[in-house]
Amino acid sequence: MTTDADTAPAGGEQRHAWELAKPTDPDVAPLAHRVLRAISERIQWRAQLDAARRTADPPDSAIGSAQSEEQEGKQA
């Protein structure tokens, strides 16, 4: 067991005690559930990242068409 003695108040008791969870602990989900949860979170994070990138960077075709319109306006 390890504790976070570095963050304990001076002269006070330690606020947290950490220990590794055992597979037999009642609040530890089975390995298959934990793996599937991690995969699901990763898929959600990736979808959110892709959505943020799409809103931050317009598609190349939109940039190209805007530049074409500007050039056509200058020529006219």
PDB file of N, CA and C in Angstrom:
ATOM      1  N   MET A   1       0.854  -1.178   0.000  1.00  0.00           N
ATOM      2  CA  MET A   1       0.000   0.000   0.000  1.00  0.00           C
ATOM      3  C   MET A   1       0.894   1.233   0.000  1.00  0.00           C
ATOM      4  N   THR A   2       0.520   2.209  -0.802  1.00  0.00           N
ATOM      5  CA  THR A   2       1.250   3.468  -0.843  1.00  0.00           C
ATOM      6  C   THR A   2       0.308   4.583  -0.428  1.00  0.00           C
ATOM      7  N   THR A   3       0.881   5.635   0.098  1.00  0.00           N
ATOM      8  CA  THR A   3       0.072   6.786   0.505  1.00  0.00           C
ATOM      9  C   THR A   3       0.632   8.024  -0.159  1.00  0.00           C
ATOM     10  N   ASP A   4      -0.159   9.076  -0.182  1.00  0.00           N
ATOM     11  CA  ASP A   4       0.317  10.321  -0.773  1.00  0.00           C
ATOM     12  C   ASP A   4       0.825  11.241   0.319  1.00  0.00           C
ATOM     13  N   ALA A   5       1.904  10.831   0.957  1.00  0.00           N
ATOM     14  CA  ALA A   5       2.486  11.603   2.057  1.00  0.00           C
ATOM     15  C   ALA A   5       2.964  12.971   1.583  1.00  0.00           C
ATOM     16  N   ASP A   6       3.293  13.084   0.307  1.00  0.00           N
ATOM     17  CA  ASP A   6       3.773  14.371  -0.207  1.00  0.00           C
ATOM     18  C   ASP A   6       2.704  15.449  -0.121  1.00  0.00           C
ATOM     19  N   THR A   7       1.441  15.082  -0.173  1.00  0.00           N
ATOM     20  CA  THR A   7       0.378  16.071  -0.148  1.00  0.00           C
ATOM     21  C   THR A   7      -0.302  16.170   1.209  1.00  0.00           C
ATOM     22  N   ALA A   8       0.213  15.446   2.201  1.00  0.00           N
ATOM     23  CA  ALA A   8      -0.389  15.489   3.533  1.00  0.00           C
ATOM     24  C   ALA A   8      -0.099  16.841   4.179  1.00  0.00           C
ATOM     25  N   PRO A   9      -1.072  17.391   4.902  1.00  0.00           N
ATOM     26  CA  PRO A   9      -0.833  18.654   5.584  1.00  0.00           C
ATOM     27  C   PRO A   9       0.283  18.491   6.635  1.00  0.00           C
ATOM     28  N   ALA A  10       1.034  19.555   6.868  1.00  0.00           N
ATOM     29  CA  ALA A  10       2.134  19.500   7.828  1.00  0.00           C
ATOM     30  C   ALA A  10       1.594  19.183   9.216  1.00  0.00           C
ATOM     31  N   GLY A  11       2.132  18.148   9.827  1.00  0.00           N
ATOM     32  CA  GLY A  11       1.736  17.781  11.178  1.00  0.00           C
ATOM     33  C   GLY A  11       0.373  17.111  11.262  1.00  0.00           C
ATOM     34  N   GLY A  12      -0.295  16.915  10.147  1.00  0.00           N
ATOM     35  CA  GLY A  12      -1.627  16.314  10.159  1.00  0.00           C
ATOM     36  C   GLY A  12      -1.604  14.885   9.659  1.00  0.00           C
ATOM     37  N   GLU A  13      -2.775  14.308   9.644  1.00  0.00           N
ATOM     38  CA  GLU A  13      -2.886  12.942   9.149  1.00  0.00           C
ATOM     39  C   GLU A  13      -2.899  12.949   7.622  1.00  0.00           C
ATOM     40  N   GLN A  14      -2.551  11.809   7.066  1.00  0.00           N
ATOM     41  CA  GLN A  14      -2.612  11.685   5.617  1.00  0.00           C
ATOM     42  C   GLN A  14      -4.071  11.603   5.201  1.00  0.00           C
ATOM     43  N   ARG A  15      -4.380  12.254   4.102  1.00  0.00           N
ATOM     44  CA  ARG A  15      -5.773  12.344   3.676  1.00  0.00           C
ATOM     45  C   ARG A  15      -6.226  11.153   2.866  1.00  0.00           C
ATOM     46  N   HIS A  16      -5.315  10.479   2.166  1.00  0.00           N
ATOM     47  CA  HIS A  16      -5.698   9.381   1.285  1.00  0.00           C
ATOM     48  C   HIS A  16      -4.763   8.201   1.478  1.00  0.00           C
ATOM     49  N   ALA A  17      -5.299   7.025   1.310  1.00  0.00           N
ATOM     50  CA  ALA A  17      -4.489   5.813   1.275  1.00  0.00           C
ATOM     51  C   ALA A  17      -4.862   5.081  -0.009  1.00  0.00           C
ATOM     52  N   TRP A  18      -3.873   4.705  -0.782  1.00  0.00           N
ATOM     53  CA  TRP A  18      -4.105   4.053  -2.051  1.00  0.00           C
ATOM     54  C   TRP A  18      -3.621   2.618  -1.981  1.00  0.00           C
ATOM     55  N   GLU A  19      -4.365   1.724  -2.586  1.00  0.00           N
ATOM     56  CA  GLU A  19      -3.910   0.353  -2.715  1.00  0.00           C
ATOM     57  C   GLU A  19      -4.466  -0.219  -4.012  1.00  0.00           C
ATOM     58  N   LEU A  20      -3.768  -1.187  -4.554  1.00  0.00           N
ATOM     59  CA  LEU A  20      -4.212  -1.793  -5.798  1.00  0.00           C
ATOM     60  C   LEU A  20      -5.481  -2.598  -5.552  1.00  0.00           C
ATOM     61  N   ALA A  21      -6.401  -2.516  -6.479  1.00  0.00           N
ATOM     62  CA  ALA A  21      -7.626  -3.310  -6.377  1.00  0.00           C
ATOM     63  C   ALA A  21      -7.314  -4.750  -6.756  1.00  0.00           C
ATOM     64  N   LYS A  22      -7.948  -5.653  -6.071  1.00  0.00           N
ATOM     65  CA  LYS A  22      -7.774  -7.073  -6.354  1.00  0.00           C
ATOM     66  C   LYS A  22      -8.950  -7.536  -7.210  1.00  0.00           C
ATOM     67  N   PRO A  23      -8.736  -8.521  -8.062  1.00  0.00           N
ATOM     68  CA  PRO A  23      -9.843  -9.017  -8.882  1.00  0.00           C
ATOM     69  C   PRO A  23     -11.014  -9.539  -8.046  1.00  0.00           C
ATOM     70  N   THR A  24     -10.752  -9.893  -6.801  1.00  0.00           N
ATOM     71  CA  THR A  24     -11.820 -10.420  -5.943  1.00  0.00           C
ATOM     72  C   THR A  24     -12.585  -9.322  -5.213  1.00  0.00           C
ATOM     73  N   ASP A  25     -12.152  -8.068  -5.326  1.00  0.00           N
ATOM     74  CA  ASP A  25     -12.876  -6.972  -4.686  1.00  0.00           C
ATOM     75  C   ASP A  25     -14.269  -6.861  -5.307  1.00  0.00           C
ATOM     76  N   PRO A  26     -15.284  -6.640  -4.484  1.00  0.00           N
ATOM     77  CA  PRO A  26     -16.655  -6.630  -5.012  1.00  0.00           C
ATOM     78  C   PRO A  26     -16.949  -5.452  -5.945  1.00  0.00           C
ATOM     79  N   ASP A  27     -16.208  -4.359  -5.844  1.00  0.00           N
ATOM     80  CA  ASP A  27     -16.494  -3.202  -6.693  1.00  0.00           C
ATOM     81  C   ASP A  27     -15.639  -3.168  -7.961  1.00  0.00           C
ATOM     82  N   VAL A  28     -14.904  -4.240  -8.245  1.00  0.00           N
ATOM     83  CA  VAL A  28     -14.087  -4.318  -9.454  1.00  0.00           C
ATOM     84  C   VAL A  28     -14.867  -5.120 -10.499  1.00  0.00           C
ATOM     85  N   ALA A  29     -15.137  -4.495 -11.632  1.00  0.00           N
ATOM     86  CA  ALA A  29     -15.873  -5.168 -12.704  1.00  0.00           C
ATOM     87  C   ALA A  29     -14.998  -6.263 -13.319  1.00  0.00           C
ATOM     88  N   PRO A  30     -15.624  -7.272 -13.913  1.00  0.00           N
ATOM     89  CA  PRO A  30     -14.832  -8.308 -14.589  1.00  0.00           C
ATOM     90  C   PRO A  30     -13.955  -7.705 -15.680  1.00  0.00           C
ATOM     91  N   LEU A  31     -12.870  -8.371 -15.991  1.00  0.00           N
ATOM     92  CA  LEU A  31     -11.905  -7.866 -16.964  1.00  0.00           C
ATOM     93  C   LEU A  31     -12.554  -7.565 -18.306  1.00  0.00           C
ATOM     94  N   ALA A  32     -13.413  -8.431 -18.780  1.00  0.00           N
ATOM     95  CA  ALA A  32     -14.058  -8.207 -20.079  1.00  0.00           C
ATOM     96  C   ALA A  32     -14.862  -6.915 -20.074  1.00  0.00           C
ATOM     97  N   HIS A  33     -15.557  -6.619 -18.974  1.00  0.00           N
ATOM     98  CA  HIS A  33     -16.339  -5.376 -18.888  1.00  0.00           C
ATOM     99  C   HIS A  33     -15.424  -4.160 -18.881  1.00  0.00           C
ATOM    100  N   ARG A  34     -14.315  -4.263 -18.155  1.00  0.00           N
ATOM    101  CA  ARG A  34     -13.386  -3.127 -18.099  1.00  0.00           C
ATOM    102  C   ARG A  34     -12.757  -2.865 -19.458  1.00  0.00           C
ATOM    103  N   VAL A  35     -12.416  -3.916 -20.185  1.00  0.00           N
ATOM    104  CA  VAL A  35     -11.822  -3.758 -21.513  1.00  0.00           C
ATOM    105  C   VAL A  35     -12.840  -3.140 -22.468  1.00  0.00           C
ATOM    106  N   LEU A  36     -14.075  -3.659 -22.467  1.00  0.00           N
ATOM    107  CA  LEU A  36     -15.101  -3.113 -23.347  1.00  0.00           C
ATOM    108  C   LEU A  36     -15.421  -1.661 -23.001  1.00  0.00           C
ATOM    109  N   ARG A  37     -15.406  -1.310 -21.719  1.00  0.00           N
ATOM    110  CA  ARG A  37     -15.648   0.072 -21.317  1.00  0.00           C
ATOM    111  C   ARG A  37     -14.531   0.976 -21.832  1.00  0.00           C
ATOM    112  N   ALA A  38     -13.283   0.506 -21.733  1.00  0.00           N
ATOM    113  CA  ALA A  38     -12.157   1.300 -22.217  1.00  0.00           C
ATOM    114  C   ALA A  38     -12.238   1.495 -23.731  1.00  0.00           C
ATOM    115  N   ILE A  39     -12.629   0.456 -24.463  1.00  0.00           N
ATOM    116  CA  ILE A  39     -12.772   0.561 -25.910  1.00  0.00           C
ATOM    117  C   ILE A  39     -13.890   1.545 -26.249  1.00  0.00           C
ATOM    118  N   SER A  40     -15.003   1.459 -25.547  1.00  0.00           N
ATOM    119  CA  SER A  40     -16.126   2.364 -25.785  1.00  0.00           C
ATOM    120  C   SER A  40     -15.726   3.812 -25.533  1.00  0.00           C
ATOM    121  N   GLU A  41     -15.004   4.059 -24.446  1.00  0.00           N
ATOM    122  CA  GLU A  41     -14.549   5.426 -24.148  1.00  0.00           C
ATOM    123  C   GLU A  41     -13.633   5.931 -25.253  1.00  0.00           C
ATOM    124  N   ARG A  42     -12.755   5.083 -25.734  1.00  0.00           N
ATOM    125  CA  ARG A  42     -11.815   5.482 -26.787  1.00  0.00           C
ATOM    126  C   ARG A  42     -12.555   5.839 -28.067  1.00  0.00           C
ATOM    127  N   ILE A  43     -13.588   5.053 -28.410  1.00  0.00           N
ATOM    128  CA  ILE A  43     -14.384   5.343 -29.600  1.00  0.00           C
ATOM    129  C   ILE A  43     -15.099   6.679 -29.444  1.00  0.00           C
ATOM    130  N   GLN A  44     -15.647   6.940 -28.257  1.00  0.00           N
ATOM    131  CA  GLN A  44     -16.339   8.210 -28.013  1.00  0.00           C
ATOM    132  C   GLN A  44     -15.376   9.380 -28.085  1.00  0.00           C
ATOM    133  N   TRP A  45     -14.196   9.232 -27.486  1.00  0.00           N
ATOM    134  CA  TRP A  45     -13.205  10.309 -27.531  1.00  0.00           C
ATOM    135  C   TRP A  45     -12.810  10.606 -28.973  1.00  0.00           C
ATOM    136  N   ARG A  46     -12.613   9.549 -29.768  1.00  0.00           N
ATOM    137  CA  ARG A  46     -12.208   9.744 -31.152  1.00  0.00           C
ATOM    138  C   ARG A  46     -13.298  10.458 -31.953  1.00  0.00           C
ATOM    139  N   ALA A  47     -14.546  10.073 -31.716  1.00  0.00           N
ATOM    140  CA  ALA A  47     -15.660  10.719 -32.409  1.00  0.00           C
ATOM    141  C   ALA A  47     -15.738  12.197 -32.036  1.00  0.00           C
ATOM    142  N   GLN A  48     -15.527  12.506 -30.761  1.00  0.00           N
ATOM    143  CA  GLN A  48     -15.554  13.901 -30.320  1.00  0.00           C
ATOM    144  C   GLN A  48     -14.396  14.684 -30.931  1.00  0.00           C
ATOM    145  N   LEU A  49     -13.228  14.083 -31.004  1.00  0.00           N
ATOM    146  CA  LEU A  49     -12.070  14.741 -31.604  1.00  0.00           C
ATOM    147  C   LEU A  49     -12.309  15.003 -33.086  1.00  0.00           C
ATOM    148  N   ASP A  50     -12.836  14.003 -33.787  1.00  0.00           N
ATOM    149  CA  ASP A  50     -13.126  14.184 -35.205  1.00  0.00           C
ATOM    150  C   ASP A  50     -14.153  15.290 -35.427  1.00  0.00           C
ATOM    151  N   ALA A  51     -15.191  15.327 -34.573  1.00  0.00           N
ATOM    152  CA  ALA A  51     -16.213  16.370 -34.697  1.00  0.00           C
ATOM    153  C   ALA A  51     -15.607  17.747 -34.455  1.00  0.00           C
ATOM    154  N   ALA A  52     -14.736  17.864 -33.471  1.00  0.00           N
ATOM    155  CA  ALA A  52     -14.095  19.148 -33.177  1.00  0.00           C
ATOM    156  C   ALA A  52     -13.202  19.579 -34.331  1.00  0.00           C
ATOM    157  N   ARG A  53     -12.504  18.635 -34.917  1.00  0.00           N
ATOM    158  CA  ARG A  53     -11.641  18.971 -36.049  1.00  0.00           C
ATOM    159  C   ARG A  53     -12.457  19.416 -37.257  1.00  0.00           C
ATOM    160  N   ARG A  54     -13.606  18.769 -37.467  1.00  0.00           N
ATOM    161  CA  ARG A  54     -14.453  19.159 -38.601  1.00  0.00           C
ATOM    162  C   ARG A  54     -14.986  20.574 -38.431  1.00  0.00           C
ATOM    163  N   THR A  55     -15.331  20.963 -37.211  1.00  0.00           N
ATOM    164  CA  THR A  55     -15.858  22.308 -37.005  1.00  0.00           C
ATOM    165  C   THR A  55     -14.746  23.347 -37.013  1.00  0.00           C
ATOM    166  N   ALA A  56     -13.553  22.973 -36.614  1.00  0.00           N
ATOM    167  CA  ALA A  56     -12.440  23.925 -36.556  1.00  0.00           C
ATOM    168  C   ALA A  56     -11.830  24.154 -37.932  1.00  0.00           C
ATOM    169  N   ASP A  57     -11.719  23.118 -38.735  1.00  0.00           N
ATOM    170  CA  ASP A  57     -11.098  23.221 -40.053  1.00  0.00           C
ATOM    171  C   ASP A  57     -12.140  22.933 -41.118  1.00  0.00           C
ATOM    172  N   PRO A  58     -12.445  23.925 -41.951  1.00  0.00           N
ATOM    173  CA  PRO A  58     -13.389  23.645 -43.037  1.00  0.00           C
ATOM    174  C   PRO A  58     -12.765  22.653 -44.010  1.00  0.00           C
ATOM    175  N   PRO A  59     -13.571  21.889 -44.705  1.00  0.00           N
ATOM    176  CA  PRO A  59     -13.027  20.923 -45.672  1.00  0.00           C
ATOM    177  C   PRO A  59     -12.236  21.635 -46.755  1.00  0.00           C
ATOM    178  N   ASP A  60     -11.295  20.927 -47.342  1.00  0.00           N
ATOM    179  CA  ASP A  60     -10.454  21.497 -48.397  1.00  0.00           C
ATOM    180  C   ASP A  60     -11.286  21.980 -49.572  1.00  0.00           C
ATOM    181  N   SER A  61     -12.359  21.268 -49.900  1.00  0.00           N
ATOM    182  CA  SER A  61     -13.174  21.677 -51.044  1.00  0.00           C
ATOM    183  C   SER A  61     -13.826  23.030 -50.791  1.00  0.00           C
ATOM    184  N   ALA A  62     -14.217  23.305 -49.548  1.00  0.00           N
ATOM    185  CA  ALA A  62     -14.827  24.596 -49.233  1.00  0.00           C
ATOM    186  C   ALA A  62     -13.794  25.708 -49.354  1.00  0.00           C
ATOM    187  N   ILE A  63     -12.577  25.422 -48.948  1.00  0.00           N
ATOM    188  CA  ILE A  63     -11.512  26.420 -49.056  1.00  0.00           C
ATOM    189  C   ILE A  63     -11.224  26.694 -50.525  1.00  0.00           C
ATOM    190  N   GLY A  64     -11.135  25.625 -51.303  1.00  0.00           N
ATOM    191  CA  GLY A  64     -10.849  25.777 -52.724  1.00  0.00           C
ATOM    192  C   GLY A  64     -11.938  26.548 -53.445  1.00  0.00           C
ATOM    193  N   SER A  65     -13.203  26.295 -53.127  1.00  0.00           N
ATOM    194  CA  SER A  65     -14.289  26.993 -53.811  1.00  0.00           C
ATOM    195  C   SER A  65     -14.327  28.460 -53.396  1.00  0.00           C
ATOM    196  N   ALA A  66     -13.999  28.760 -52.149  1.00  0.00           N
ATOM    197  CA  ALA A  66     -13.981  30.155 -51.706  1.00  0.00           C
ATOM    198  C   ALA A  66     -12.869  30.919 -52.413  1.00  0.00           C
ATOM    199  N   GLN A  67     -11.719  30.275 -52.575  1.00  0.00           N
ATOM    200  CA  GLN A  67     -10.613  30.933 -53.261  1.00  0.00           C
ATOM    201  C   GLN A  67     -10.950  31.134 -54.733  1.00  0.00           C
ATOM    202  N   SER A  68     -11.635  30.158 -55.337  1.00  0.00           N
ATOM    203  CA  SER A  68     -12.021  30.281 -56.747  1.00  0.00           C
ATOM    204  C   SER A  68     -12.985  31.446 -56.942  1.00  0.00           C
ATOM    205  N   GLU A  69     -13.927  31.590 -56.020  1.00  0.00           N
ATOM    206  CA  GLU A  69     -14.895  32.675 -56.103  1.00  0.00           C
ATOM    207  C   GLU A  69     -14.204  34.039 -55.976  1.00  0.00           C
ATOM    208  N   GLU A  70     -13.210  34.129 -55.092  1.00  0.00           N
ATOM    209  CA  GLU A  70     -12.464  35.376 -54.930  1.00  0.00           C
ATOM    210  C   GLU A  70     -11.726  35.726 -56.209  1.00  0.00           C
ATOM    211  N   GLN A  71     -11.113  34.721 -56.842  1.00  0.00           N
ATOM    212  CA  GLN A  71     -10.359  34.971 -58.055  1.00  0.00           C
ATOM    213  C   GLN A  71     -11.289  35.379 -59.200  1.00  0.00           C
ATOM    214  N   GLU A  72     -12.451  34.741 -59.263  1.00  0.00           N
ATOM    215  CA  GLU A  72     -13.416  35.094 -60.307  1.00  0.00           C
ATOM    216  C   GLU A  72     -13.911  36.535 -60.107  1.00  0.00           C
ATOM    217  N   GLY A  73     -14.104  36.943 -58.850  1.00  0.00           N
ATOM    218  CA  GLY A  73     -14.551  38.291 -58.577  1.00  0.00           C
ATOM    219  C   GLY A  73     -13.519  39.324 -58.969  1.00  0.00           C
ATOM    220  N   LYS A  74     -12.245  39.026 -58.824  1.00  0.00           N
ATOM    221  CA  LYS A  74     -11.172  39.931 -59.195  1.00  0.00           C
ATOM    222  C   LYS A  74     -11.058  40.058 -60.699  1.00  0.00           C
ATOM    223  N   GLN A  75     -11.322  38.968 -61.408  1.00  0.00           N
ATOM    224  CA  GLN A  75     -11.199  38.980 -62.867  1.00  0.00           C
ATOM    225  C   GLN A  75     -12.346  39.727 -63.522  1.00  0.00           C
ATOM    226  N   ALA A  76     -13.509  39.740 -62.884  1.00  0.00           N
ATOM    227  CA  ALA A  76     -14.705  40.360 -63.507  1.00  0.00           C
ATOM    228  C   ALA A  76     -14.692  41.858 -63.454  1.00  0.00           C
TER     229      ALA A  76
END
